[in-house]
């Protein structure tokens, strides 16, 4: 199982010198969502 810290580290490494907005667009999410992931904020889960 992946640790969240490992996934965030891989994302940041993959981001390279791209801006947060450019990288978020490339991976298909919003810059604000990616910022929240990077900062460890809990994510809202969809209601069933």
Protein backbone atom coordinates (compact mmCIF):
# COMPACT_ATOMS: atom_id res chain seq x y z
CA UNK A 1 0.00 0.00 0.00
CA UNK A 2 1.25 3.48 -0.85
CA UNK A 3 1.76 6.01 1.93
CA UNK A 4 0.25 9.42 1.22
CA UNK A 5 3.63 11.06 1.82
CA UNK A 6 5.24 8.85 -0.85
CA UNK A 7 2.55 9.72 -3.39
CA UNK A 8 2.90 13.47 -2.68
CA UNK A 9 6.68 13.17 -3.06
CA UNK A 10 6.27 11.43 -6.42
CA UNK A 11 3.79 14.06 -7.61
CA UNK A 12 6.13 16.90 -6.65
CA UNK A 13 9.05 15.17 -8.38
CA UNK A 14 6.93 14.64 -11.51
CA UNK A 15 5.81 18.29 -11.40
CA UNK A 16 9.40 19.40 -11.90
CA UNK A 17 9.66 23.06 -12.85
CA UNK A 18 6.05 23.36 -14.05
CA UNK A 19 3.74 25.69 -12.18
CA UNK A 20 1.15 24.14 -9.91
CA UNK A 21 -1.60 25.24 -12.31
CA UNK A 22 0.16 23.78 -15.37
CA UNK A 23 0.85 20.49 -13.61
CA UNK A 24 -2.69 20.23 -12.27
CA UNK A 25 -4.05 20.72 -15.78
CA UNK A 26 -1.67 18.06 -17.11
CA UNK A 27 -2.83 15.47 -14.56
CA UNK A 28 -6.51 16.42 -14.85
CA UNK A 29 -7.35 18.15 -11.58
CA UNK A 30 -7.66 21.69 -10.28
CA UNK A 31 -4.71 23.61 -8.87
CA UNK A 32 -6.61 24.14 -5.61
CA UNK A 33 -7.19 20.38 -5.25
CA UNK A 34 -3.52 19.62 -5.89
CA UNK A 35 -2.51 22.33 -3.42
CA UNK A 36 -4.73 20.70 -0.79
CA UNK A 37 -3.20 17.28 -1.50
CA UNK A 38 0.33 18.71 -1.19
CA UNK A 39 -0.58 20.30 2.15
CA UNK A 40 -2.19 17.18 3.59
CA UNK A 41 -5.70 18.57 3.88
CA UNK A 42 -8.39 15.93 4.28
CA UNK A 43 -10.40 15.39 1.12
CA UNK A 44 -14.18 15.33 1.05
CA UNK A 45 -15.46 11.93 0.02
CA UNK A 46 -18.50 11.60 -2.27
CA UNK A 47 -21.70 10.62 -0.51
CA UNK A 48 -23.18 7.25 -1.50
